[in-house]
């Protein structure tokens, strides 16, 4: 028994629980309405004649097809106010979902290559994050893995004046053919600067990429990690090290990482002792923000109260918050669950 009278009761329980989101690409929260509005504001010509046409284009079956439209969408982001508006819109939705802490990815290389100033990107995002919404935050700068490591090094150089706003570095974009070891030097340098490290691994790439993220990049957290389950020794390693996996159910479904959510490995991750979390990844493109992901996967797998509570607790213990702040959020979860 899952402990809920109905799916609606489970959805309501998910809705009231405090939670953190640890895997969110801010550019992936660009809704069709905002893309169209920013294109008009900035005089950017899109390949789409309407909001409906943009929404229809958000139909893809693999990571590369998604990235093609994702990078097209970036073209409307031109100035600091655009990045502020984008981030503020996401934060308002997150707050409505009970999110109390976010760790946001951004892709500066996707903007600076278009002539957008690094300062405009960070400035707009940071200004929105600083507004009071009852949400704390960390900002993670991702390197695009389909580009050479030398380009990542240049990006890290550009970021140096802005390190007070940046808490970590990550690795995203096309995974297959771009192993983590390709970025060994820039990650070592980022660690020497005191930055946290994360990396997308084991989404479409093999378990070997997860091993490399652990042993070569020495990551603090693994983004996705689904295919780690193919390697028993790797699962034991992740569990023993207490590393968090930032899992993205609707993203996995949309990109055909899983055929349907009923076969999603989330429950198997929990059963194996892995610190899995639920996140929205690129919610504008993949069909929902964090609560939609929670509800969809909970319904598909018939998750029970204990499993849901574990997932939200993991979202805080896997965050880069201090131990004291984590404890405060965990107490709020326990109080919420007890009073439900």
C-alpha atoms as a PDB file:
ATOM      1  CA  UNK A   1       0.000   0.000   0.000  1.00  0.00           C
ATOM      2  CA  UNK A   2       1.284   3.461  -0.830  1.00  0.00           C
ATOM      3  CA  UNK A   3      -0.415   5.160   2.128  1.00  0.00           C
ATOM      4  CA  UNK A   4      -2.574   7.507   0.014  1.00  0.00           C
ATOM      5  CA  UNK A   5      -6.325   7.398  -0.465  1.00  0.00           C
ATOM      6  CA  UNK A   6      -5.999   8.446  -4.103  1.00  0.00           C
ATOM      7  CA  UNK A   7      -3.561   9.845  -6.668  1.00  0.00           C
ATOM      8  CA  UNK A   8      -5.005  13.273  -5.898  1.00  0.00           C
ATOM      9  CA  UNK A   9      -4.126  12.852  -2.226  1.00  0.00           C
ATOM     10  CA  UNK A  10      -0.576  11.908  -3.177  1.00  0.00           C
ATOM     11  CA  UNK A  11      -0.305  14.927  -5.486  1.00  0.00           C
ATOM     12  CA  UNK A  12      -1.512  17.186  -2.689  1.00  0.00           C
ATOM     13  CA  UNK A  13       1.083  15.715  -0.321  1.00  0.00           C
ATOM     14  CA  UNK A  14       3.843  16.307  -2.877  1.00  0.00           C
ATOM     15  CA  UNK A  15       2.622  19.849  -3.383  1.00  0.00           C
ATOM     16  CA  UNK A  16       2.956  20.902   0.252  1.00  0.00           C
ATOM     17  CA  UNK A  17       6.356  19.345   0.922  1.00  0.00           C
ATOM     18  CA  UNK A  18       9.352  21.724   0.978  1.00  0.00           C
ATOM     19  CA  UNK A  19      11.868  20.685  -1.645  1.00  0.00           C
ATOM     20  CA  UNK A  20      15.098  21.691  -3.371  1.00  0.00           C
ATOM     21  CA  UNK A  21      15.738  21.574  -7.098  1.00  0.00           C
ATOM     22  CA  UNK A  22      19.305  20.652  -8.013  1.00  0.00           C
ATOM     23  CA  UNK A  23      19.122  20.119 -11.787  1.00  0.00           C
ATOM     24  CA  UNK A  24      17.612  23.059 -13.640  1.00  0.00           C
ATOM     25  CA  UNK A  25      19.025  24.685 -16.763  1.00  0.00           C
ATOM     26  CA  UNK A  26      17.784  28.250 -16.644  1.00  0.00           C
ATOM     27  CA  UNK A  27      17.810  28.474 -20.450  1.00  0.00           C
ATOM     28  CA  UNK A  28      15.580  25.383 -20.442  1.00  0.00           C
ATOM     29  CA  UNK A  29      12.863  27.283 -18.586  1.00  0.00           C
ATOM     30  CA  UNK A  30      12.296  29.528 -21.624  1.00  0.00           C
ATOM     31  CA  UNK A  31       8.585  29.071 -22.274  1.00  0.00           C
ATOM     32  CA  UNK A  32       7.278  29.644 -25.822  1.00  0.00           C
ATOM     33  CA  UNK A  33       5.413  32.772 -24.713  1.00  0.00           C
ATOM     34  CA  UNK A  34       8.584  34.330 -23.314  1.00  0.00           C
ATOM     35  CA  UNK A  35      10.657  33.263 -26.327  1.00  0.00           C
ATOM     36  CA  UNK A  36       8.184  34.993 -28.630  1.00  0.00           C
ATOM     37  CA  UNK A  37       7.974  38.115 -26.444  1.00  0.00           C
ATOM     38  CA  UNK A  38      11.748  38.469 -26.110  1.00  0.00           C
ATOM     39  CA  UNK A  39      12.203  37.960 -29.853  1.00  0.00           C
ATOM     40  CA  UNK A  40       9.839  40.860 -30.474  1.00  0.00           C
ATOM     41  CA  UNK A  41      11.458  43.021 -27.781  1.00  0.00           C
ATOM     42  CA  UNK A  42      14.963  42.420 -29.130  1.00  0.00           C
ATOM     43  CA  UNK A  43      14.151  42.376 -32.839  1.00  0.00           C
ATOM     44  CA  UNK A  44      15.222  38.751 -33.237  1.00  0.00           C
ATOM     45  CA  UNK A  45      13.799  36.918 -36.229  1.00  0.00           C
ATOM     46  CA  UNK A  46      12.643  33.433 -35.262  1.00  0.00           C
ATOM     47  CA  UNK A  47      11.985  30.494 -37.540  1.00  0.00           C
ATOM     48  CA  UNK A  48       8.497  30.363 -36.007  1.00  0.00           C
ATOM     49  CA  UNK A  49       5.532  32.568 -36.824  1.00  0.00           C
ATOM     50  CA  UNK A  50       3.618  32.086 -33.580  1.00  0.00           C
ATOM     51  CA  UNK A  51       3.715  30.797 -30.016  1.00  0.00           C
ATOM     52  CA  UNK A  52       1.846  27.724 -31.204  1.00  0.00           C
ATOM     53  CA  UNK A  53       4.511  27.052 -33.829  1.00  0.00           C
ATOM     54  CA  UNK A  54       7.222  27.267 -31.161  1.00  0.00           C
ATOM     55  CA  UNK A  55       5.300  24.865 -28.932  1.00  0.00           C
ATOM     56  CA  UNK A  56       4.912  22.427 -31.835  1.00  0.00           C
ATOM     57  CA  UNK A  57       8.685  22.539 -32.350  1.00  0.00           C
ATOM     58  CA  UNK A  58       9.163  21.332 -28.764  1.00  0.00           C
ATOM     59  CA  UNK A  59       8.644  17.805 -30.107  1.00  0.00           C
ATOM     60  CA  UNK A  60      11.795  15.717 -30.299  1.00  0.00           C
ATOM     61  CA  UNK A  61      12.920  12.188 -29.552  1.00  0.00           C
ATOM     62  CA  UNK A  62      16.585  12.437 -28.601  1.00  0.00           C
ATOM     63  CA  UNK A  63      19.089  14.693 -26.896  1.00  0.00           C
ATOM     64  CA  UNK A  64      20.585  16.165 -30.055  1.00  0.00           C
ATOM     65  CA  UNK A  65      17.205  17.132 -31.550  1.00  0.00           C
ATOM     66  CA  UNK A  66      16.369  18.846 -28.276  1.00  0.00           C
ATOM     67  CA  UNK A  67      19.701  20.687 -28.189  1.00  0.00           C
ATOM     68  CA  UNK A  68      19.132  21.993 -31.716  1.00  0.00           C
ATOM     69  CA  UNK A  69      15.934  23.831 -30.681  1.00  0.00           C
ATOM     70  CA  UNK A  70      17.404  24.687 -27.274  1.00  0.00           C
ATOM     71  CA  UNK A  71      20.278  26.626 -28.834  1.00  0.00           C
ATOM     72  CA  UNK A  72      17.899  28.335 -31.286  1.00  0.00           C
ATOM     73  CA  UNK A  73      15.829  29.520 -28.343  1.00  0.00           C
ATOM     74  CA  UNK A  74      18.877  31.067 -26.700  1.00  0.00           C
ATOM     75  CA  UNK A  75      19.097  33.575 -29.545  1.00  0.00           C
ATOM     76  CA  UNK A  76      16.367  35.741 -28.007  1.00  0.00           C
ATOM     77  CA  UNK A  77      18.402  36.287 -24.820  1.00  0.00           C
ATOM     78  CA  UNK A  78      20.418  39.437 -25.508  1.00  0.00           C
ATOM     79  CA  UNK A  79      20.717  41.698 -22.476  1.00  0.00           C
ATOM     80  CA  UNK A  80      20.810  41.579 -18.689  1.00  0.00           C
ATOM     81  CA  UNK A  81      17.078  42.244 -18.396  1.00  0.00           C
ATOM     82  CA  UNK A  82      16.320  39.170 -20.514  1.00  0.00           C
ATOM     83  CA  UNK A  83      18.248  36.928 -18.133  1.00  0.00           C
ATOM     84  CA  UNK A  84      16.583  38.618 -15.164  1.00  0.00           C
ATOM     85  CA  UNK A  85      13.099  38.065 -16.632  1.00  0.00           C
ATOM     86  CA  UNK A  86      13.869  34.440 -17.492  1.00  0.00           C
ATOM     87  CA  UNK A  87      15.193  33.655 -14.021  1.00  0.00           C
ATOM     88  CA  UNK A  88      12.421  35.517 -12.208  1.00  0.00           C
ATOM     89  CA  UNK A  89       9.768  33.609 -14.154  1.00  0.00           C
ATOM     90  CA  UNK A  90      11.344  30.282 -13.188  1.00  0.00           C
ATOM     91  CA  UNK A  91      11.683  31.261  -9.527  1.00  0.00           C
ATOM     92  CA  UNK A  92       8.020  32.269  -9.320  1.00  0.00           C
ATOM     93  CA  UNK A  93       6.976  28.863 -10.657  1.00  0.00           C
ATOM     94  CA  UNK A  94       9.403  27.091  -8.341  1.00  0.00           C
ATOM     95  CA  UNK A  95       8.077  28.945  -5.302  1.00  0.00           C
ATOM     96  CA  UNK A  96       4.546  27.864  -6.206  1.00  0.00           C
ATOM     97  CA  UNK A  97       5.798  24.250  -6.247  1.00  0.00           C
ATOM     98  CA  UNK A  98       7.144  24.486  -2.703  1.00  0.00           C
ATOM     99  CA  UNK A  99      10.778  24.824  -3.781  1.00  0.00           C
ATOM    100  CA  UNK A 100      12.821  26.427  -1.019  1.00  0.00           C
ATOM    101  CA  UNK A 101      16.304  26.077  -2.528  1.00  0.00           C
ATOM    102  CA  UNK A 102      17.516  25.941  -6.139  1.00  0.00           C
ATOM    103  CA  UNK A 103      20.870  25.185  -7.709  1.00  0.00           C
ATOM    104  CA  UNK A 104      20.650  26.641 -11.184  1.00  0.00           C
ATOM    105  CA  UNK A 105      22.774  25.763 -14.208  1.00  0.00           C
ATOM    106  CA  UNK A 106      23.612  28.339 -16.856  1.00  0.00           C
ATOM    107  CA  UNK A 107      25.511  27.973 -20.144  1.00  0.00           C
ATOM    108  CA  UNK A 108      27.605  31.108 -20.704  1.00  0.00           C
ATOM    109  CA  UNK A 109      29.280  29.715 -23.836  1.00  0.00           C
ATOM    110  CA  UNK A 110      25.902  29.584 -25.557  1.00  0.00           C
ATOM    111  CA  UNK A 111      25.632  33.349 -25.054  1.00  0.00           C
ATOM    112  CA  UNK A 112      29.146  34.751 -25.292  1.00  0.00           C
ATOM    113  CA  UNK A 113      29.611  33.081 -28.693  1.00  0.00           C
ATOM    114  CA  UNK A 114      26.730  35.307 -29.862  1.00  0.00           C
ATOM    115  CA  UNK A 115      28.408  38.439 -28.551  1.00  0.00           C
ATOM    116  CA  UNK A 116      26.430  38.653 -25.297  1.00  0.00           C
ATOM    117  CA  UNK A 117      28.608  39.935 -22.457  1.00  0.00           C
ATOM    118  CA  UNK A 118      29.361  37.467 -19.664  1.00  0.00           C
ATOM    119  CA  UNK A 119      28.452  40.219 -17.206  1.00  0.00           C
ATOM    120  CA  UNK A 120      24.975  40.534 -18.731  1.00  0.00           C
ATOM    121  CA  UNK A 121      24.303  36.818 -18.298  1.00  0.00           C
ATOM    122  CA  UNK A 122      25.492  36.561 -14.703  1.00  0.00           C
ATOM    123  CA  UNK A 123      24.171  39.986 -13.772  1.00  0.00           C
ATOM    124  CA  UNK A 124      20.612  39.259 -14.817  1.00  0.00           C
ATOM    125  CA  UNK A 125      20.492  35.808 -13.231  1.00  0.00           C
ATOM    126  CA  UNK A 126      22.123  36.950  -9.990  1.00  0.00           C
ATOM    127  CA  UNK A 127      19.831  39.975  -9.674  1.00  0.00           C
ATOM    128  CA  UNK A 128      16.757  37.726  -9.899  1.00  0.00           C
ATOM    129  CA  UNK A 129      18.211  35.226  -7.441  1.00  0.00           C
ATOM    130  CA  UNK A 130      18.817  38.036  -4.953  1.00  0.00           C
ATOM    131  CA  UNK A 131      15.142  39.001  -4.832  1.00  0.00           C
ATOM    132  CA  UNK A 132      13.263  37.785  -1.768  1.00  0.00           C
ATOM    133  CA  UNK A 133      10.977  34.856  -2.601  1.00  0.00           C
ATOM    134  CA  UNK A 134      11.753  32.551   0.288  1.00  0.00           C
ATOM    135  CA  UNK A 135      14.143  30.629  -1.979  1.00  0.00           C
ATOM    136  CA  UNK A 136      17.884  30.324  -1.429  1.00  0.00           C
ATOM    137  CA  UNK A 137      20.128  29.542  -4.367  1.00  0.00           C
ATOM    138  CA  UNK A 138      23.452  28.442  -5.757  1.00  0.00           C
ATOM    139  CA  UNK A 139      24.609  29.194  -9.319  1.00  0.00           C
ATOM    140  CA  UNK A 140      26.489  26.559 -11.327  1.00  0.00           C
ATOM    141  CA  UNK A 141      28.306  27.470 -14.529  1.00  0.00           C
ATOM    142  CA  UNK A 142      28.273  24.652 -17.075  1.00  0.00           C
ATOM    143  CA  UNK A 143      30.827  23.943 -19.773  1.00  0.00           C
ATOM    144  CA  UNK A 144      29.501  22.746 -23.141  1.00  0.00           C
ATOM    145  CA  UNK A 145      31.104  19.348 -23.652  1.00  0.00           C
ATOM    146  CA  UNK A 146      30.775  19.370 -27.453  1.00  0.00           C
ATOM    147  CA  UNK A 147      33.305  22.240 -27.485  1.00  0.00           C
ATOM    148  CA  UNK A 148      37.049  21.825 -26.798  1.00  0.00           C
ATOM    149  CA  UNK A 149      38.408  22.015 -23.263  1.00  0.00           C
ATOM    150  CA  UNK A 150      40.353  25.100 -24.309  1.00  0.00           C
ATOM    151  CA  UNK A 151      37.025  26.910 -24.748  1.00  0.00           C
ATOM    152  CA  UNK A 152      36.004  25.855 -21.251  1.00  0.00           C
ATOM    153  CA  UNK A 153      39.281  27.254 -19.943  1.00  0.00           C
ATOM    154  CA  UNK A 154      38.534  30.599 -21.599  1.00  0.00           C
ATOM    155  CA  UNK A 155      35.077  30.589 -20.029  1.00  0.00           C
ATOM    156  CA  UNK A 156      36.550  29.941 -16.602  1.00  0.00           C
ATOM    157  CA  UNK A 157      38.949  32.857 -17.197  1.00  0.00           C
ATOM    158  CA  UNK A 158      35.967  35.082 -18.027  1.00  0.00           C
ATOM    159  CA  UNK A 159      34.176  33.939 -14.895  1.00  0.00           C
ATOM    160  CA  UNK A 160      36.962  34.897 -12.487  1.00  0.00           C
ATOM    161  CA  UNK A 161      35.653  38.416 -11.703  1.00  0.00           C
ATOM    162  CA  UNK A 162      32.208  36.933 -11.026  1.00  0.00           C
ATOM    163  CA  UNK A 163      33.159  34.064  -8.713  1.00  0.00           C
ATOM    164  CA  UNK A 164      31.345  35.653  -5.751  1.00  0.00           C
ATOM    165  CA  UNK A 165      28.132  34.803  -7.651  1.00  0.00           C
ATOM    166  CA  UNK A 166      29.185  31.346  -8.914  1.00  0.00           C
ATOM    167  CA  UNK A 167      29.324  28.352  -6.588  1.00  0.00           C
ATOM    168  CA  UNK A 168      30.253  25.502  -8.909  1.00  0.00           C
ATOM    169  CA  UNK A 169      30.918  24.248 -12.409  1.00  0.00           C
ATOM    170  CA  UNK A 170      29.155  21.559 -14.381  1.00  0.00           C
ATOM    171  CA  UNK A 171      29.309  19.729 -17.695  1.00  0.00           C
ATOM    172  CA  UNK A 172      26.371  19.479 -20.104  1.00  0.00           C
ATOM    173  CA  UNK A 173      25.353  19.361 -23.787  1.00  0.00           C
ATOM    174  CA  UNK A 174      25.837  16.369 -26.128  1.00  0.00           C
ATOM    175  CA  UNK A 175      27.077  13.493 -23.991  1.00  0.00           C
ATOM    176  CA  UNK A 176      27.844  10.656 -26.427  1.00  0.00           C
ATOM    177  CA  UNK A 177      31.339  11.020 -27.863  1.00  0.00           C
ATOM    178  CA  UNK A 178      32.363  13.615 -25.295  1.00  0.00           C
ATOM    179  CA  UNK A 179      33.606  11.753 -22.204  1.00  0.00           C
ATOM    180  CA  UNK A 180      34.184  13.590 -18.936  1.00  0.00           C
ATOM    181  CA  UNK A 181      37.940  12.938 -19.069  1.00  0.00           C
ATOM    182  CA  UNK A 182      38.103  15.478 -21.906  1.00  0.00           C
ATOM    183  CA  UNK A 183      37.690  18.200 -19.231  1.00  0.00           C
ATOM    184  CA  UNK A 184      40.094  16.909 -16.570  1.00  0.00           C
ATOM    185  CA  UNK A 185      42.321  20.011 -16.454  1.00  0.00           C
ATOM    186  CA  UNK A 186      39.602  22.662 -16.310  1.00  0.00           C
ATOM    187  CA  UNK A 187      37.749  20.776 -13.573  1.00  0.00           C
ATOM    188  CA  UNK A 188      40.948  20.452 -11.545  1.00  0.00           C
ATOM    189  CA  UNK A 189      41.454  24.186 -11.895  1.00  0.00           C
ATOM    190  CA  UNK A 190      37.865  24.890 -10.853  1.00  0.00           C
ATOM    191  CA  UNK A 191      38.320  22.747  -7.745  1.00  0.00           C
ATOM    192  CA  UNK A 192      41.505  24.660  -6.910  1.00  0.00           C
ATOM    193  CA  UNK A 193      39.423  27.853  -6.973  1.00  0.00           C
ATOM    194  CA  UNK A 194      37.104  26.380  -4.357  1.00  0.00           C
ATOM    195  CA  UNK A 195      34.231  25.674  -6.735  1.00  0.00           C
ATOM    196  CA  UNK A 196      31.954  22.664  -6.371  1.00  0.00           C
ATOM    197  CA  UNK A 197      31.851  20.261  -9.319  1.00  0.00           C
ATOM    198  CA  UNK A 198      29.035  18.339 -10.971  1.00  0.00           C
ATOM    199  CA  UNK A 199      28.668  16.651 -14.353  1.00  0.00           C
ATOM    200  CA  UNK A 200      26.003  15.148 -16.574  1.00  0.00           C
ATOM    201  CA  UNK A 201      26.934  11.483 -16.889  1.00  0.00           C
ATOM    202  CA  UNK A 202      25.079   8.291 -17.654  1.00  0.00           C
ATOM    203  CA  UNK A 203      22.088   9.927 -19.342  1.00  0.00           C
ATOM    204  CA  UNK A 204      22.819   8.686 -22.866  1.00  0.00           C
ATOM    205  CA  UNK A 205      26.489   7.946 -22.255  1.00  0.00           C
ATOM    206  CA  UNK A 206      27.722   4.610 -20.841  1.00  0.00           C
ATOM    207  CA  UNK A 207      28.529   3.760 -17.202  1.00  0.00           C
ATOM    208  CA  UNK A 208      32.191   4.434 -18.019  1.00  0.00           C
ATOM    209  CA  UNK A 209      31.333   8.127 -18.261  1.00  0.00           C
ATOM    210  CA  UNK A 210      30.043   8.025 -14.689  1.00  0.00           C
ATOM    211  CA  UNK A 211      33.290   6.363 -13.546  1.00  0.00           C
ATOM    212  CA  UNK A 212      35.234   9.144 -15.283  1.00  0.00           C
ATOM    213  CA  UNK A 213      33.099  11.828 -13.651  1.00  0.00           C
ATOM    214  CA  UNK A 214      33.945  10.289 -10.270  1.00  0.00           C
ATOM    215  CA  UNK A 215      37.610   9.431 -10.751  1.00  0.00           C
ATOM    216  CA  UNK A 216      38.825  12.037 -13.240  1.00  0.00           C
ATOM    217  CA  UNK A 217      36.605  15.062 -12.605  1.00  0.00           C
ATOM    218  CA  UNK A 218      36.126  14.156  -8.918  1.00  0.00           C
ATOM    219  CA  UNK A 219      32.574  15.471  -8.941  1.00  0.00           C
ATOM    220  CA  UNK A 220      30.589  16.271  -5.828  1.00  0.00           C
ATOM    221  CA  UNK A 221      27.327  15.204  -7.486  1.00  0.00           C
ATOM    222  CA  UNK A 222      26.168  13.296 -10.572  1.00  0.00           C
ATOM    223  CA  UNK A 223      23.556  14.751 -12.910  1.00  0.00           C
ATOM    224  CA  UNK A 224      21.222  12.041 -14.267  1.00  0.00           C
ATOM    225  CA  UNK A 225      23.255   8.853 -13.696  1.00  0.00           C
ATOM    226  CA  UNK A 226      20.555   6.477 -14.967  1.00  0.00           C
ATOM    227  CA  UNK A 227      22.957   4.149 -16.734  1.00  0.00           C
ATOM    228  CA  UNK A 228      25.047   3.712 -13.605  1.00  0.00           C
ATOM    229  CA  UNK A 229      22.551   0.988 -12.716  1.00  0.00           C
ATOM    230  CA  UNK A 230      24.037  -1.164 -15.475  1.00  0.00           C
ATOM    231  CA  UNK A 231      27.223  -1.570 -13.392  1.00  0.00           C
ATOM    232  CA  UNK A 232      26.873  -3.184  -9.957  1.00  0.00           C
ATOM    233  CA  UNK A 233      30.300  -2.042  -8.799  1.00  0.00           C
ATOM    234  CA  UNK A 234      29.482   1.517  -9.854  1.00  0.00           C
ATOM    235  CA  UNK A 235      26.215   1.466  -7.915  1.00  0.00           C
ATOM    236  CA  UNK A 236      28.095   0.297  -4.828  1.00  0.00           C
ATOM    237  CA  UNK A 237      30.672   3.042  -5.310  1.00  0.00           C
ATOM    238  CA  UNK A 238      28.058   5.793  -5.586  1.00  0.00           C
ATOM    239  CA  UNK A 239      26.143   4.458  -2.588  1.00  0.00           C
ATOM    240  CA  UNK A 240      29.260   4.091  -0.445  1.00  0.00           C
ATOM    241  CA  UNK A 241      30.426   7.600  -1.339  1.00  0.00           C
ATOM    242  CA  UNK A 242      26.983   9.008  -0.518  1.00  0.00           C
ATOM    243  CA  UNK A 243      26.815  10.887  -3.821  1.00  0.00           C
ATOM    244  CA  UNK A 244      23.565  12.422  -4.986  1.00  0.00           C
ATOM    245  CA  UNK A 245      21.974  11.714  -8.373  1.00  0.00           C
ATOM    246  CA  UNK A 246      19.907  14.542  -9.843  1.00  0.00           C
ATOM    247  CA  UNK A 247      17.274  12.551 -11.709  1.00  0.00           C
ATOM    248  CA  UNK A 248      14.898  14.144 -14.237  1.00  0.00           C
ATOM    249  CA  UNK A 249      11.914  11.855 -14.995  1.00  0.00           C
ATOM    250  CA  UNK A 250      10.004  13.862 -17.612  1.00  0.00           C
ATOM    251  CA  UNK A 251      13.258  14.721 -19.366  1.00  0.00           C
ATOM    252  CA  UNK A 252      14.141  11.027 -19.472  1.00  0.00           C
ATOM    253  CA  UNK A 253      10.739  10.251 -20.982  1.00  0.00           C
ATOM    254  CA  UNK A 254      10.801  13.065 -23.539  1.00  0.00           C
ATOM    255  CA  UNK A 255      14.324  12.178 -24.707  1.00  0.00           C
ATOM    256  CA  UNK A 256      13.529   8.451 -24.804  1.00  0.00           C
ATOM    257  CA  UNK A 257      16.049   7.586 -22.098  1.00  0.00           C
ATOM    258  CA  UNK A 258      13.144   5.485 -20.802  1.00  0.00           C
ATOM    259  CA  UNK A 259      10.258   4.147 -22.899  1.00  0.00           C
ATOM    260  CA  UNK A 260       7.690   5.006 -20.251  1.00  0.00           C
ATOM    261  CA  UNK A 261       7.751   6.246 -16.684  1.00  0.00           C
ATOM    262  CA  UNK A 262       6.538   2.880 -15.410  1.00  0.00           C
ATOM    263  CA  UNK A 263      10.003   1.549 -16.269  1.00  0.00           C
ATOM    264  CA  UNK A 264      11.873   4.521 -14.805  1.00  0.00           C
ATOM    265  CA  UNK A 265      14.747   3.437 -12.518  1.00  0.00           C
ATOM    266  CA  UNK A 266      13.995   5.925  -9.722  1.00  0.00           C
ATOM    267  CA  UNK A 267      12.613   3.352  -7.295  1.00  0.00           C
ATOM    268  CA  UNK A 268      15.486   0.965  -8.093  1.00  0.00           C
ATOM    269  CA  UNK A 269      17.908   3.763  -7.295  1.00  0.00           C
ATOM    270  CA  UNK A 270      16.324   4.263  -3.879  1.00  0.00           C
ATOM    271  CA  UNK A 271      16.250   0.512  -3.223  1.00  0.00           C
ATOM    272  CA  UNK A 272      19.960   0.322  -4.063  1.00  0.00           C
ATOM    273  CA  UNK A 273      20.729   2.953  -1.438  1.00  0.00           C
ATOM    274  CA  UNK A 274      21.384   5.749  -3.925  1.00  0.00           C
ATOM    275  CA  UNK A 275      20.583   9.318  -2.937  1.00  0.00           C
ATOM    276  CA  UNK A 276      18.262  10.068  -5.847  1.00  0.00           C
ATOM    277  CA  UNK A 277      16.383  13.340  -6.260  1.00  0.00           C
ATOM    278  CA  UNK A 278      13.632  14.586  -8.597  1.00  0.00           C
ATOM    279  CA  UNK A 279      14.234  17.619 -10.821  1.00  0.00           C
ATOM    280  CA  UNK A 280      12.789  19.260 -13.936  1.00  0.00           C
ATOM    281  CA  UNK A 281      15.957  19.718 -16.070  1.00  0.00           C
ATOM    282  CA  UNK A 282      14.538  21.861 -18.920  1.00  0.00           C
ATOM    283  CA  UNK A 283      10.893  22.238 -17.883  1.00  0.00           C
ATOM    284  CA  UNK A 284       9.682  24.420 -20.741  1.00  0.00           C
ATOM    285  CA  UNK A 285      10.778  21.738 -23.200  1.00  0.00           C
ATOM    286  CA  UNK A 286      10.071  18.565 -21.241  1.00  0.00           C
ATOM    287  CA  UNK A 287       6.545  19.102 -20.002  1.00  0.00           C
ATOM    288  CA  UNK A 288       6.651  20.298 -16.437  1.00  0.00           C
ATOM    289  CA  UNK A 289       8.320  21.865 -13.429  1.00  0.00           C
ATOM    290  CA  UNK A 290       9.406  19.984 -10.347  1.00  0.00           C
ATOM    291  CA  UNK A 291       5.990  19.072  -8.931  1.00  0.00           C
ATOM    292  CA  UNK A 292       4.842  17.813 -12.327  1.00  0.00           C
ATOM    293  CA  UNK A 293       7.902  15.559 -12.391  1.00  0.00           C
ATOM    294  CA  UNK A 294       7.225  14.317  -8.867  1.00  0.00           C
ATOM    295  CA  UNK A 295       3.568  13.603  -9.558  1.00  0.00           C
ATOM    296  CA  UNK A 296       4.169  11.916 -12.916  1.00  0.00           C
ATOM    297  CA  UNK A 297       6.836   9.538 -11.645  1.00  0.00           C
ATOM    298  CA  UNK A 298       5.021   8.909  -8.350  1.00  0.00           C
ATOM    299  CA  UNK A 299       1.882   7.904 -10.229  1.00  0.00           C
ATOM    300  CA  UNK A 300       3.773   5.738 -12.702  1.00  0.00           C
ATOM    301  CA  UNK A 301       5.757   3.909 -10.009  1.00  0.00           C
ATOM    302  CA  UNK A 302       3.081   4.145  -7.289  1.00  0.00           C
ATOM    303  CA  UNK A 303       5.566   5.695  -4.880  1.00  0.00           C
ATOM    304  CA  UNK A 304       4.646   5.568  -1.220  1.00  0.00           C
ATOM    305  CA  UNK A 305       4.957   8.240   1.468  1.00  0.00           C
ATOM    306  CA  UNK A 306       8.349   7.039   2.688  1.00  0.00           C
ATOM    307  CA  UNK A 307       9.797   7.082  -0.824  1.00  0.00           C
ATOM    308  CA  UNK A 308       8.488  10.579  -1.534  1.00  0.00           C
ATOM    309  CA  UNK A 309       9.817  11.874   1.760  1.00  0.00           C
ATOM    310  CA  UNK A 310      13.206  10.274   1.015  1.00  0.00           C
ATOM    311  CA  UNK A 311      13.330  12.051  -2.338  1.00  0.00           C
ATOM    312  CA  UNK A 312      12.642  15.494  -0.897  1.00  0.00           C
ATOM    313  CA  UNK A 313      15.037  14.923   2.002  1.00  0.00           C
ATOM    314  CA  UNK A 314      17.710  13.859  -0.494  1.00  0.00           C
ATOM    315  CA  UNK A 315      17.187  17.094  -2.400  1.00  0.00           C
ATOM    316  CA  UNK A 316      18.414  19.049   0.611  1.00  0.00           C
ATOM    317  CA  UNK A 317      21.128  16.688   1.854  1.00  0.00           C
ATOM    318  CA  UNK A 318      22.469  16.541  -1.702  1.00  0.00           C
ATOM    319  CA  UNK A 319      22.534  20.325  -2.022  1.00  0.00           C
ATOM    320  CA  UNK A 320      25.488  22.629  -1.443  1.00  0.00           C
ATOM    321  CA  UNK A 321      23.777  24.244   1.533  1.00  0.00           C
ATOM    322  CA  UNK A 322      25.519  24.252   4.899  1.00  0.00           C
ATOM    323  CA  UNK A 323      24.756  21.423   7.324  1.00  0.00           C
ATOM    324  CA  UNK A 324      22.806  23.843   9.518  1.00  0.00           C
ATOM    325  CA  UNK A 325      20.645  25.026   6.625  1.00  0.00           C
ATOM    326  CA  UNK A 326      20.062  21.447   5.505  1.00  0.00           C
ATOM    327  CA  UNK A 327      18.958  20.515   9.017  1.00  0.00           C
ATOM    328  CA  UNK A 328      16.492  23.401   9.069  1.00  0.00           C
ATOM    329  CA  UNK A 329      14.872  22.220   5.839  1.00  0.00           C
ATOM    330  CA  UNK A 330      14.802  18.590   6.963  1.00  0.00           C
ATOM    331  CA  UNK A 331      12.984  19.637  10.121  1.00  0.00           C
ATOM    332  CA  UNK A 332      10.436  21.512   7.993  1.00  0.00           C
ATOM    333  CA  UNK A 333       9.873  18.381   5.899  1.00  0.00           C
ATOM    334  CA  UNK A 334       9.333  16.280   9.006  1.00  0.00           C
ATOM    335  CA  UNK A 335       6.909  18.832  10.440  1.00  0.00           C
ATOM    336  CA  UNK A 336       5.025  19.033   7.171  1.00  0.00           C
ATOM    337  CA  UNK A 337       4.777  15.245   6.867  1.00  0.00           C
ATOM    338  CA  UNK A 338       3.634  14.899  10.479  1.00  0.00           C
ATOM    339  CA  UNK A 339       0.966  17.549  10.084  1.00  0.00           C
ATOM    340  CA  UNK A 340      -0.359  16.380   6.745  1.00  0.00           C
END
